[in-house]
PDB file of N, CA and C in Angstrom:
ATOM      1  N   MET A   1     101.464 131.513  34.999  1.00  0.00           N
ATOM      2  CA  MET A   1     100.569 130.569  34.941  1.00  0.00           C
ATOM      3  C   MET A   1      99.199 130.982  35.420  1.00  0.00           C
ATOM      4  N   PRO A   2      98.660 132.192  35.982  1.00  0.00           N
ATOM      5  CA  PRO A   2      97.670 132.873  36.382  1.00  0.00           C
ATOM      6  C   PRO A   2      96.833 133.124  35.054  1.00  0.00           C
ATOM      7  N   GLU A   3      97.637 133.696  34.145  1.00  0.00           N
ATOM      8  CA  GLU A   3      97.430 134.462  32.937  1.00  0.00           C
ATOM      9  C   GLU A   3      96.812 133.411  32.097  1.00  0.00           C
ATOM     10  N   ARG A   4      97.390 132.190  32.106  1.00  0.00           N
ATOM     11  CA  ARG A   4      97.152 131.099  31.277  1.00  0.00           C
ATOM     12  C   ARG A   4      95.530 130.321  31.781  1.00  0.00           C
ATOM     13  N   ILE A   5      95.235 130.349  33.360  1.00  0.00           N
ATOM     14  CA  ILE A   5      94.342 130.041  33.558  1.00  0.00           C
ATOM     15  C   ILE A   5      92.983 131.022  33.347  1.00  0.00           C
ATOM     16  N   VAL A   6      93.203 132.262  33.420  1.00  0.00           N
ATOM     17  CA  VAL A   6      92.347 133.163  33.154  1.00  0.00           C
ATOM     18  C   VAL A   6      91.835 133.065  31.531  1.00  0.00           C
ATOM     19  N   LYS A   7      92.979 132.929  30.715  1.00  0.00           N
ATOM     20  CA  LYS A   7      92.909 132.755  29.047  1.00  0.00           C
ATOM     21  C   LYS A   7      91.885 131.544  28.710  1.00  0.00           C
ATOM     22  N   SER A   8      92.465 130.384  29.582  1.00  0.00           N
ATOM     23  CA  SER A   8      91.745 129.161  29.458  1.00  0.00           C
ATOM     24  C   SER A   8      90.087 129.254  29.999  1.00  0.00           C
ATOM     25  N   ILE A   9      89.862 130.041  30.977  1.00  0.00           N
ATOM     26  CA  ILE A   9      88.345 130.153  31.276  1.00  0.00           C
ATOM     27  C   ILE A   9      87.609 130.871  30.443  1.00  0.00           C
ATOM     28  N   LEU A  10      88.240 131.971  29.773  1.00  0.00           N
ATOM     29  CA  LEU A  10      87.689 132.544  28.860  1.00  0.00           C
ATOM     30  C   LEU A  10      87.223 132.137  27.555  1.00  0.00           C
ATOM     31  N   THR A  11      87.600 130.949  27.357  1.00  0.00           N
ATOM     32  CA  THR A  11      87.388 130.079  26.339  1.00  0.00           C
ATOM     33  C   THR A  11      86.135 129.761  26.222  1.00  0.00           C
ATOM     34  N   ASN A  12      85.305 129.777  27.541  1.00  0.00           N
ATOM     35  CA  ASN A  12      83.982 129.315  27.690  1.00  0.00           C
ATOM     36  C   ASN A  12      83.168 130.308  27.267  1.00  0.00           C
ATOM     37  N   GLN A  13      81.870 129.961  26.295  1.00  0.00           N
ATOM     38  CA  GLN A  13      81.398 131.308  25.805  1.00  0.00           C
ATOM     39  C   GLN A  13      80.548 131.944  26.940  1.00  0.00           C
ATOM     40  N   GLU A  14      80.105 131.086  28.005  1.00  0.00           N
ATOM     41  CA  GLU A  14      79.555 131.600  29.200  1.00  0.00           C
ATOM     42  C   GLU A  14      80.057 132.599  30.086  1.00  0.00           C
ATOM     43  N   VAL A  15      81.497 132.779  30.089  1.00  0.00           N
ATOM     44  CA  VAL A  15      82.225 133.839  30.648  1.00  0.00           C
ATOM     45  C   VAL A  15      82.700 134.894  29.806  1.00  0.00           C
ATOM     46  N   THR A  16      82.234 136.148  30.386  1.00  0.00           N
ATOM     47  CA  THR A  16      82.488 137.137  29.702  1.00  0.00           C
ATOM     48  C   THR A  16      83.769 137.948  30.087  1.00  0.00           C
ATOM     49  N   SER A  17      83.788 137.803  31.362  1.00  0.00           N
ATOM     50  CA  SER A  17      85.281 138.432  31.745  1.00  0.00           C
ATOM     51  C   SER A  17      85.667 137.611  33.058  1.00  0.00           C
ATOM     52  N   ALA A  18      87.047 137.689  33.316  1.00  0.00           N
ATOM     53  CA  ALA A  18      87.628 137.003  34.452  1.00  0.00           C
ATOM     54  C   ALA A  18      88.514 137.838  35.114  1.00  0.00           C
ATOM     55  N   VAL A  19      88.393 137.864  36.392  1.00  0.00           N
ATOM     56  CA  VAL A  19      89.572 138.574  37.345  1.00  0.00           C
ATOM     57  C   VAL A  19      90.241 137.881  38.625  1.00  0.00           C
ATOM     58  N   MET A  20      91.482 137.585  38.610  1.00  0.00           N
ATOM     59  CA  MET A  20      91.969 136.853  39.709  1.00  0.00           C
ATOM     60  C   MET A  20      92.593 137.843  40.488  1.00  0.00           C
ATOM     61  N   CYS A  21      92.727 137.781  41.631  1.00  0.00           N
ATOM     62  CA  CYS A  21      93.449 138.899  42.760  1.00  0.00           C
ATOM     63  C   CYS A  21      93.748 137.942  43.795  1.00  0.00           C
ATOM     64  N   SER A  22      94.675 138.609  44.770  1.00  0.00           N
ATOM     65  CA  SER A  22      94.697 138.008  45.949  1.00  0.00           C
ATOM     66  C   SER A  22      93.885 138.596  46.811  1.00  0.00           C
ATOM     67  N   LYS A  23      93.909 137.694  48.022  1.00  0.00           N
ATOM     68  CA  LYS A  23      92.841 138.451  49.067  1.00  0.00           C
ATOM     69  C   LYS A  23      93.076 139.671  49.688  1.00  0.00           C
ATOM     70  N   THR A  24      94.375 140.148  49.292  1.00  0.00           N
ATOM     71  CA  THR A  24      94.342 141.594  49.645  1.00  0.00           C
ATOM     72  C   THR A  24      93.980 142.302  48.672  1.00  0.00           C
ATOM     73  N   GLY A  25      93.793 142.117  47.444  1.00  0.00           N
ATOM     74  CA  GLY A  25      93.145 143.032  46.445  1.00  0.00           C
ATOM     75  C   GLY A  25      94.161 143.331  45.376  1.00  0.00           C
ATOM     76  N   THR A  26      95.154 142.323  45.411  1.00  0.00           N
ATOM     77  CA  THR A  26      96.285 142.849  44.128  1.00  0.00           C
ATOM     78  C   THR A  26      95.890 142.059  42.946  1.00  0.00           C
ATOM     79  N   LEU A  27      95.770 142.672  41.975  1.00  0.00           N
ATOM     80  CA  LEU A  27      95.418 141.942  40.666  1.00  0.00           C
ATOM     81  C   LEU A  27      96.430 141.058  40.387  1.00  0.00           C
ATOM     82  N   ILE A  28      96.105 139.906  39.813  1.00  0.00           N
ATOM     83  CA  ILE A  28      97.028 138.835  39.478  1.00  0.00           C
ATOM     84  C   ILE A  28      96.796 138.594  38.022  1.00  0.00           C
ATOM     85  N   ALA A  29      95.717 138.681  37.346  1.00  0.00           N
ATOM     86  CA  ALA A  29      95.507 138.328  36.115  1.00  0.00           C
ATOM     87  C   ALA A  29      93.932 138.549  35.798  1.00  0.00           C
ATOM     88  N   GLN A  30      93.712 139.132  34.485  1.00  0.00           N
ATOM     89  CA  GLN A  30      92.656 139.624  34.228  1.00  0.00           C
ATOM     90  C   GLN A  30      92.410 139.434  32.819  1.00  0.00           C
ATOM     91  N   GLY A  31      91.001 139.295  31.960  1.00  0.00           N
ATOM     92  CA  GLY A  31      90.847 139.126  30.800  1.00  0.00           C
ATOM     93  C   GLY A  31      89.448 139.766  30.641  1.00  0.00           C
ATOM     94  N   LYS A  32      89.302 140.479  29.596  1.00  0.00           N
ATOM     95  CA  LYS A  32      88.114 141.270  28.726  1.00  0.00           C
ATOM     96  C   LYS A  32      87.237 142.037  30.074  1.00  0.00           C
ATOM     97  N   SER A  33      88.038 142.327  31.168  1.00  0.00           N
ATOM     98  CA  SER A  33      87.336 143.410  32.468  1.00  0.00           C
ATOM     99  C   SER A  33      87.427 144.628  31.749  1.00  0.00           C
ATOM    100  N   PRO A  34      86.309 145.269  31.840  1.00  0.00           N
ATOM    101  CA  PRO A  34      86.038 146.616  31.670  1.00  0.00           C
ATOM    102  C   PRO A  34      86.851 147.764  32.657  1.00  0.00           C
ATOM    103  N   ASP A  35      86.496 147.122  33.940  1.00  0.00           N
ATOM    104  CA  ASP A  35      87.227 147.644  34.996  1.00  0.00           C
ATOM    105  C   ASP A  35      87.706 146.850  36.077  1.00  0.00           C
ATOM    106  N   PRO A  36      88.879 146.171  35.981  1.00  0.00           N
ATOM    107  CA  PRO A  36      89.413 145.301  36.998  1.00  0.00           C
ATOM    108  C   PRO A  36      89.193 145.759  38.275  1.00  0.00           C
ATOM    109  N   GLU A  37      89.610 146.902  38.521  1.00  0.00           N
ATOM    110  CA  GLU A  37      89.672 147.313  39.969  1.00  0.00           C
ATOM    111  C   GLU A  37      88.171 147.261  40.612  1.00  0.00           C
ATOM    112  N   SER A  38      87.241 147.891  39.842  1.00  0.00           N
ATOM    113  CA  SER A  38      86.035 147.895  40.649  1.00  0.00           C
ATOM    114  C   SER A  38      85.583 146.412  40.842  1.00  0.00           C
ATOM    115  N   GLU A  39      85.844 145.817  39.931  1.00  0.00           N
ATOM    116  CA  GLU A  39      85.593 144.146  40.232  1.00  0.00           C
ATOM    117  C   GLU A  39      86.412 143.631  41.488  1.00  0.00           C
ATOM    118  N   ILE A  40      87.520 144.110  41.546  1.00  0.00           N
ATOM    119  CA  ILE A  40      88.187 143.468  42.700  1.00  0.00           C
ATOM    120  C   ILE A  40      87.350 144.025  43.824  1.00  0.00           C
ATOM    121  N   THR A  41      87.278 145.254  43.721  1.00  0.00           N
ATOM    122  CA  THR A  41      86.549 145.515  45.277  1.00  0.00           C
ATOM    123  C   THR A  41      85.203 144.843  45.338  1.00  0.00           C
ATOM    124  N   PHE A  42      84.508 144.784  44.236  1.00  0.00           N
ATOM    125  CA  PHE A  42      83.138 143.864  44.447  1.00  0.00           C
ATOM    126  C   PHE A  42      83.333 142.815  44.894  1.00  0.00           C
ATOM    127  N   GLY A  43      84.623 142.002  44.325  1.00  0.00           N
ATOM    128  CA  GLY A  43      84.798 140.441  44.528  1.00  0.00           C
ATOM    129  C   GLY A  43      85.357 140.470  46.309  1.00  0.00           C
ATOM    130  N   ALA A  44      85.861 141.560  46.553  1.00  0.00           N
ATOM    131  CA  ALA A  44      86.554 141.447  48.148  1.00  0.00           C
ATOM    132  C   ALA A  44      85.060 141.627  49.000  1.00  0.00           C
ATOM    133  N   ALA A  45      84.426 142.583  48.461  1.00  0.00           N
ATOM    134  CA  ALA A  45      83.296 142.892  49.618  1.00  0.00           C
ATOM    135  C   ALA A  45      82.471 141.826  49.589  1.00  0.00           C
ATOM    136  N   LEU A  46      82.016 141.143  48.557  1.00  0.00           N
ATOM    137  CA  LEU A  46      81.289 139.823  48.339  1.00  0.00           C
ATOM    138  C   LEU A  46      82.036 138.692  48.882  1.00  0.00           C
ATOM    139  N   MET A  47      83.322 138.477  49.074  1.00  0.00           N
ATOM    140  CA  MET A  47      83.860 137.607  50.056  1.00  0.00           C
ATOM    141  C   MET A  47      83.571 137.703  51.511  1.00  0.00           C
ATOM    142  N   GLY A  48      83.718 139.040  51.901  1.00  0.00           N
ATOM    143  CA  GLY A  48      83.326 139.412  53.212  1.00  0.00           C
ATOM    144  C   GLY A  48      82.234 138.732  53.794  1.00  0.00           C
ATOM    145  N   LYS A  49      81.221 139.203  52.941  1.00  0.00           N
ATOM    146  CA  LYS A  49      79.608 138.688  52.962  1.00  0.00           C
ATOM    147  C   LYS A  49      79.643 137.306  53.127  1.00  0.00           C
ATOM    148  N   ALA A  50      80.468 136.796  52.132  1.00  0.00           N
ATOM    149  CA  ALA A  50      80.188 135.098  52.198  1.00  0.00           C
ATOM    150  C   ALA A  50      80.674 134.292  53.341  1.00  0.00           C
ATOM    151  N   GLU A  51      81.948 135.178  54.071  1.00  0.00           N
ATOM    152  CA  GLU A  51      82.241 134.687  54.931  1.00  0.00           C
ATOM    153  C   GLU A  51      81.647 134.689  56.416  1.00  0.00           C
ATOM    154  N   SER A  52      80.753 135.891  56.430  1.00  0.00           N
ATOM    155  CA  SER A  52      80.022 136.066  57.569  1.00  0.00           C
ATOM    156  C   SER A  52      78.614 135.327  57.275  1.00  0.00           C
ATOM    157  N   ILE A  53      78.311 134.930  56.132  1.00  0.00           N
ATOM    158  CA  ILE A  53      77.014 134.081  56.095  1.00  0.00           C
ATOM    159  C   ILE A  53      77.597 132.572  56.583  1.00  0.00           C
ATOM    160  N   GLY A  54      78.701 132.312  56.019  1.00  0.00           N
ATOM    161  CA  GLY A  54      79.352 130.932  56.285  1.00  0.00           C
ATOM    162  C   GLY A  54      79.570 130.790  57.845  1.00  0.00           C
ATOM    163  N   ASP A  55      80.058 131.772  58.637  1.00  0.00           N
ATOM    164  CA  ASP A  55      80.103 131.920  60.108  1.00  0.00           C
ATOM    165  C   ASP A  55      78.573 131.688  60.611  1.00  0.00           C
ATOM    166  N   PHE A  56      77.694 132.466  60.012  1.00  0.00           N
ATOM    167  CA  PHE A  56      76.305 132.294  60.467  1.00  0.00           C
ATOM    168  C   PHE A  56      75.747 130.877  60.367  1.00  0.00           C
ATOM    169  N   LEU A  57      75.878 130.203  59.414  1.00  0.00           N
ATOM    170  CA  LEU A  57      75.643 128.804  59.071  1.00  0.00           C
ATOM    171  C   LEU A  57      76.444 127.798  59.607  1.00  0.00           C
ATOM    172  N   ASP A  58      77.180 128.369  60.335  1.00  0.00           N
ATOM    173  CA  ASP A  58      78.294 127.579  61.175  1.00  0.00           C
ATOM    174  C   ASP A  58      79.054 126.363  60.257  1.00  0.00           C
ATOM    175  N   SER A  59      79.246 126.491  58.944  1.00  0.00           N
ATOM    176  CA  SER A  59      79.678 125.840  57.911  1.00  0.00           C
ATOM    177  C   SER A  59      81.189 126.401  57.207  1.00  0.00           C
ATOM    178  N   GLY A  60      81.698 127.442  57.913  1.00  0.00           N
ATOM    179  CA  GLY A  60      82.788 127.666  57.543  1.00  0.00           C
ATOM    180  C   GLY A  60      83.218 128.610  56.257  1.00  0.00           C
ATOM    181  N   ASN A  61      84.034 128.655  55.420  1.00  0.00           N
ATOM    182  CA  ASN A  61      83.970 129.316  54.484  1.00  0.00           C
ATOM    183  C   ASN A  61      83.145 128.805  53.277  1.00  0.00           C
ATOM    184  N   LEU A  62      82.162 129.496  52.533  1.00  0.00           N
ATOM    185  CA  LEU A  62      81.782 129.234  51.457  1.00  0.00           C
ATOM    186  C   LEU A  62      82.624 128.765  50.106  1.00  0.00           C
ATOM    187  N   GLU A  63      82.545 127.823  49.448  1.00  0.00           N
ATOM    188  CA  GLU A  63      83.144 127.253  48.299  1.00  0.00           C
ATOM    189  C   GLU A  63      83.034 128.464  47.031  1.00  0.00           C
ATOM    190  N   ARG A  64      82.039 128.773  46.817  1.00  0.00           N
ATOM    191  CA  ARG A  64      81.764 129.608  45.610  1.00  0.00           C
ATOM    192  C   ARG A  64      80.475 130.108  45.812  1.00  0.00           C
ATOM    193  N   ILE A  65      80.314 131.527  45.384  1.00  0.00           N
ATOM    194  CA  ILE A  65      78.988 132.360  45.433  1.00  0.00           C
ATOM    195  C   ILE A  65      78.728 132.679  44.033  1.00  0.00           C
ATOM    196  N   VAL A  66      77.469 132.633  43.775  1.00  0.00           N
ATOM    197  CA  VAL A  66      76.783 133.282  42.348  1.00  0.00           C
ATOM    198  C   VAL A  66      75.554 134.188  42.824  1.00  0.00           C
ATOM    199  N   ILE A  67      75.920 135.326  42.264  1.00  0.00           N
ATOM    200  CA  ILE A  67      74.910 136.505  42.167  1.00  0.00           C
ATOM    201  C   ILE A  67      74.318 136.540  40.915  1.00  0.00           C
ATOM    202  N   THR A  68      72.821 136.627  40.979  1.00  0.00           N
ATOM    203  CA  THR A  68      72.266 136.880  39.683  1.00  0.00           C
ATOM    204  C   THR A  68      71.489 137.876  39.761  1.00  0.00           C
ATOM    205  N   GLY A  69      71.466 138.885  38.873  1.00  0.00           N
ATOM    206  CA  GLY A  69      70.467 139.990  38.760  1.00  0.00           C
ATOM    207  C   GLY A  69      69.780 139.892  37.272  1.00  0.00           C
ATOM    208  N   PRO A  70      68.936 140.803  37.211  1.00  0.00           N
ATOM    209  CA  PRO A  70      68.288 140.985  35.797  1.00  0.00           C
ATOM    210  C   PRO A  70      69.003 141.072  34.799  1.00  0.00           C
ATOM    211  N   GLU A  71      70.278 141.283  34.804  1.00  0.00           N
ATOM    212  CA  GLU A  71      71.190 141.645  33.534  1.00  0.00           C
ATOM    213  C   GLU A  71      72.211 140.645  33.789  1.00  0.00           C
ATOM    214  N   ASN A  72      72.791 140.597  34.910  1.00  0.00           N
ATOM    215  CA  ASN A  72      74.202 139.969  35.440  1.00  0.00           C
ATOM    216  C   ASN A  72      74.116 138.855  36.148  1.00  0.00           C
ATOM    217  N   ARG A  73      75.316 138.204  36.089  1.00  0.00           N
ATOM    218  CA  ARG A  73      75.662 137.107  36.765  1.00  0.00           C
ATOM    219  C   ARG A  73      77.073 136.910  37.140  1.00  0.00           C
ATOM    220  N   TYR A  74      77.397 136.801  38.358  1.00  0.00           N
ATOM    221  CA  TYR A  74      78.652 136.778  38.686  1.00  0.00           C
ATOM    222  C   TYR A  74      79.028 135.472  39.627  1.00  0.00           C
ATOM    223  N   TYR A  75      80.321 134.895  39.327  1.00  0.00           N
ATOM    224  CA  TYR A  75      80.735 133.800  40.175  1.00  0.00           C
ATOM    225  C   TYR A  75      81.894 134.095  40.541  1.00  0.00           C
ATOM    226  N   LEU A  76      81.732 133.741  42.053  1.00  0.00           N
ATOM    227  CA  LEU A  76      83.419 134.453  42.900  1.00  0.00           C
ATOM    228  C   LEU A  76      83.531 132.890  43.471  1.00  0.00           C
ATOM    229  N   GLN A  77      84.772 132.700  43.457  1.00  0.00           N
ATOM    230  CA  GLN A  77      85.379 131.471  44.078  1.00  0.00           C
ATOM    231  C   GLN A  77      86.677 131.712  44.820  1.00  0.00           C
ATOM    232  N   GLN A  78      87.007 131.095  45.824  1.00  0.00           N
ATOM    233  CA  GLN A  78      88.364 131.109  46.333  1.00  0.00           C
ATOM    234  C   GLN A  78      89.036 130.398  46.123  1.00  0.00           C
ATOM    235  N   GLN A  79      89.870 130.251  45.382  1.00  0.00           N
ATOM    236  CA  GLN A  79      90.837 128.983  45.090  1.00  0.00           C
ATOM    237  C   GLN A  79      92.509 129.312  45.752  1.00  0.00           C
ATOM    238  N   GLU A  80      92.788 128.417  46.471  1.00  0.00           N
ATOM    239  CA  GLU A  80      93.793 128.572  47.563  1.00  0.00           C
ATOM    240  C   GLU A  80      93.835 129.815  48.058  1.00  0.00           C
ATOM    241  N   ASP A  81      94.799 130.709  47.918  1.00  0.00           N
ATOM    242  CA  ASP A  81      95.010 131.953  48.622  1.00  0.00           C
ATOM    243  C   ASP A  81      94.368 133.006  47.497  1.00  0.00           C
ATOM    244  N   ASP A  82      93.777 132.620  46.476  1.00  0.00           N
ATOM    245  CA  ASP A  82      93.556 133.816  45.503  1.00  0.00           C
ATOM    246  C   ASP A  82      91.723 133.702  45.257  1.00  0.00           C
ATOM    247  N   LEU A  83      91.346 134.838  44.696  1.00  0.00           N
ATOM    248  CA  LEU A  83      89.908 134.964  44.248  1.00  0.00           C
ATOM    249  C   LEU A  83      89.611 134.908  42.879  1.00  0.00           C
ATOM    250  N   LEU A  84      88.781 134.281  42.558  1.00  0.00           N
ATOM    251  CA  LEU A  84      88.279 134.424  41.064  1.00  0.00           C
ATOM    252  C   LEU A  84      87.143 134.824  40.722  1.00  0.00           C
ATOM    253  N   LEU A  85      87.046 135.939  40.080  1.00  0.00           N
ATOM    254  CA  LEU A  85      85.532 136.291  39.717  1.00  0.00           C
ATOM    255  C   LEU A  85      85.162 136.457  38.414  1.00  0.00           C
ATOM    256  N   LEU A  86      84.124 135.774  38.166  1.00  0.00           N
ATOM    257  CA  LEU A  86      83.698 135.602  36.640  1.00  0.00           C
ATOM    258  C   LEU A  86      82.510 136.409  36.502  1.00  0.00           C
ATOM    259  N   SER A  87      82.392 137.320  35.255  1.00  0.00           N
ATOM    260  CA  SER A  87      81.253 137.782  34.914  1.00  0.00           C
ATOM    261  C   SER A  87      80.453 136.530  33.790  1.00  0.00           C
ATOM    262  N   LEU A  88      79.393 136.334  33.953  1.00  0.00           N
ATOM    263  CA  LEU A  88      78.917 135.230  33.370  1.00  0.00           C
ATOM    264  C   LEU A  88      77.651 135.669  32.518  1.00  0.00           C
ATOM    265  N   THR A  89      77.318 135.273  31.139  1.00  0.00           N
ATOM    266  CA  THR A  89      76.385 135.528  30.479  1.00  0.00           C
ATOM    267  C   THR A  89      74.934 135.087  31.393  1.00  0.00           C
ATOM    268  N   LYS A  90      73.938 135.939  30.974  1.00  0.00           N
ATOM    269  CA  LYS A  90      72.632 135.758  31.608  1.00  0.00           C
ATOM    270  C   LYS A  90      72.071 134.378  32.167  1.00  0.00           C
ATOM    271  N   ARG A  91      72.352 133.488  30.908  1.00  0.00           N
ATOM    272  CA  ARG A  91      71.668 132.105  30.699  1.00  0.00           C
ATOM    273  C   ARG A  91      72.687 131.019  31.086  1.00  0.00           C
ATOM    274  N   SER A  92      73.955 131.641  31.841  1.00  0.00           N
ATOM    275  CA  SER A  92      75.035 130.568  32.040  1.00  0.00           C
ATOM    276  C   SER A  92      74.416 129.455  32.540  1.00  0.00           C
ATOM    277  N   SER A  93      75.327 128.270  32.631  1.00  0.00           N
ATOM    278  CA  SER A  93      75.205 127.105  33.656  1.00  0.00           C
ATOM    279  C   SER A  93      76.280 127.308  34.653  1.00  0.00           C
ATOM    280  N   VAL A  94      75.825 127.596  35.769  1.00  0.00           N
ATOM    281  CA  VAL A  94      76.712 127.626  36.923  1.00  0.00           C
ATOM    282  C   VAL A  94      77.897 126.407  37.203  1.00  0.00           C
ATOM    283  N   GLU A  95      76.881 125.294  37.292  1.00  0.00           N
ATOM    284  CA  GLU A  95      77.697 124.232  37.338  1.00  0.00           C
ATOM    285  C   GLU A  95      78.645 123.810  36.446  1.00  0.00           C
ATOM    286  N   THR A  96      78.287 124.217  34.981  1.00  0.00           N
ATOM    287  CA  THR A  96      79.110 123.927  33.864  1.00  0.00           C
ATOM    288  C   THR A  96      80.561 124.820  34.207  1.00  0.00           C
ATOM    289  N   VAL A  97      80.185 126.234  34.629  1.00  0.00           N
ATOM    290  CA  VAL A  97      81.292 126.946  34.787  1.00  0.00           C
ATOM    291  C   VAL A  97      82.225 126.620  36.064  1.00  0.00           C
ATOM    292  N   HIS A  98      81.530 125.997  36.845  1.00  0.00           N
ATOM    293  CA  HIS A  98      82.359 125.630  38.094  1.00  0.00           C
ATOM    294  C   HIS A  98      83.212 124.250  37.517  1.00  0.00           C
ATOM    295  N   GLU A  99      82.576 123.480  37.066  1.00  0.00           N
ATOM    296  CA  GLU A  99      83.366 122.285  36.702  1.00  0.00           C
ATOM    297  C   GLU A  99      84.469 122.509  35.482  1.00  0.00           C
ATOM    298  N   LEU A 100      84.365 123.619  34.700  1.00  0.00           N
ATOM    299  CA  LEU A 100      85.359 124.291  33.849  1.00  0.00           C
ATOM    300  C   LEU A 100      86.348 124.553  34.464  1.00  0.00           C
ATOM    301  N   VAL A 101      86.099 125.568  35.632  1.00  0.00           N
ATOM    302  CA  VAL A 101      87.198 125.796  36.498  1.00  0.00           C
ATOM    303  C   VAL A 101      87.970 125.051  37.313  1.00  0.00           C
ATOM    304  N   GLN A 102      87.405 124.059  37.920  1.00  0.00           N
ATOM    305  CA  GLN A 102      87.993 123.138  38.684  1.00  0.00           C
ATOM    306  C   GLN A 102      88.782 122.004  37.597  1.00  0.00           C
ATOM    307  N   THR A 103      88.554 121.846  36.299  1.00  0.00           N
ATOM    308  CA  THR A 103      89.105 121.167  35.301  1.00  0.00           C
ATOM    309  C   THR A 103      90.572 122.040  34.854  1.00  0.00           C
ATOM    310  N   ILE A 104      90.430 123.227  34.928  1.00  0.00           N
ATOM    311  CA  ILE A 104      91.463 124.094  34.434  1.00  0.00           C
ATOM    312  C   ILE A 104      92.403 124.130  35.573  1.00  0.00           C
ATOM    313  N   TYR A 105      92.020 124.440  36.839  1.00  0.00           N
ATOM    314  CA  TYR A 105      92.775 124.402  37.837  1.00  0.00           C
ATOM    315  C   TYR A 105      93.886 123.351  38.052  1.00  0.00           C
ATOM    316  N   LYS A 106      93.113 122.082  37.857  1.00  0.00           N
ATOM    317  CA  LYS A 106      93.609 120.695  38.019  1.00  0.00           C
ATOM    318  C   LYS A 106      94.696 120.702  37.153  1.00  0.00           C
ATOM    319  N   ARG A 107      94.449 121.028  35.817  1.00  0.00           N
ATOM    320  CA  ARG A 107      95.497 120.901  34.652  1.00  0.00           C
ATOM    321  C   ARG A 107      96.512 121.765  35.054  1.00  0.00           C
ATOM    322  N   TYR A 108      96.480 122.939  35.438  1.00  0.00           N
ATOM    323  CA  TYR A 108      97.647 123.961  35.429  1.00  0.00           C
ATOM    324  C   TYR A 108      98.582 123.489  36.779  1.00  0.00           C
ATOM    325  N   GLN A 109      97.775 122.959  37.788  1.00  0.00           N
ATOM    326  CA  GLN A 109      98.740 122.419  39.050  1.00  0.00           C
ATOM    327  C   GLN A 109      99.443 121.228  38.820  1.00  0.00           C
ATOM    328  N   SER A 110      98.986 120.418  37.957  1.00  0.00           N
ATOM    329  CA  SER A 110      99.744 119.063  37.651  1.00  0.00           C
ATOM    330  C   SER A 110     100.767 119.321  36.765  1.00  0.00           C
ATOM    331  N   ALA A 111     100.740 120.508  35.918  1.00  0.00           N
ATOM    332  CA  ALA A 111     101.549 120.632  35.017  1.00  0.00           C
ATOM    333  C   ALA A 111     103.230 121.190  35.594  1.00  0.00           C
TER     334      ALA A 111
END
């Protein structure tokens, strides 16, 4: 099922690659990633920072994180026990991508 989720997410033109891994860094599924292991390392480090920020804000875990640079945009979301890291196009709509991810997860949970 994770492969189907990743494949469905990649149908959106705003998503250029997708990596799904466990919290411990084990690759579960990926699509169009040039270097999944590096992306897993990046995603795990980013999630660690997000947990620290959540603690600082006294708000617990953050739902999702978006990092935007001059040429890159990344979307990271914890979904149950897994992490989902998406590379997005520069002008992507994060809210549209988030809604897509939620819809796809709901579809496969009810299947």
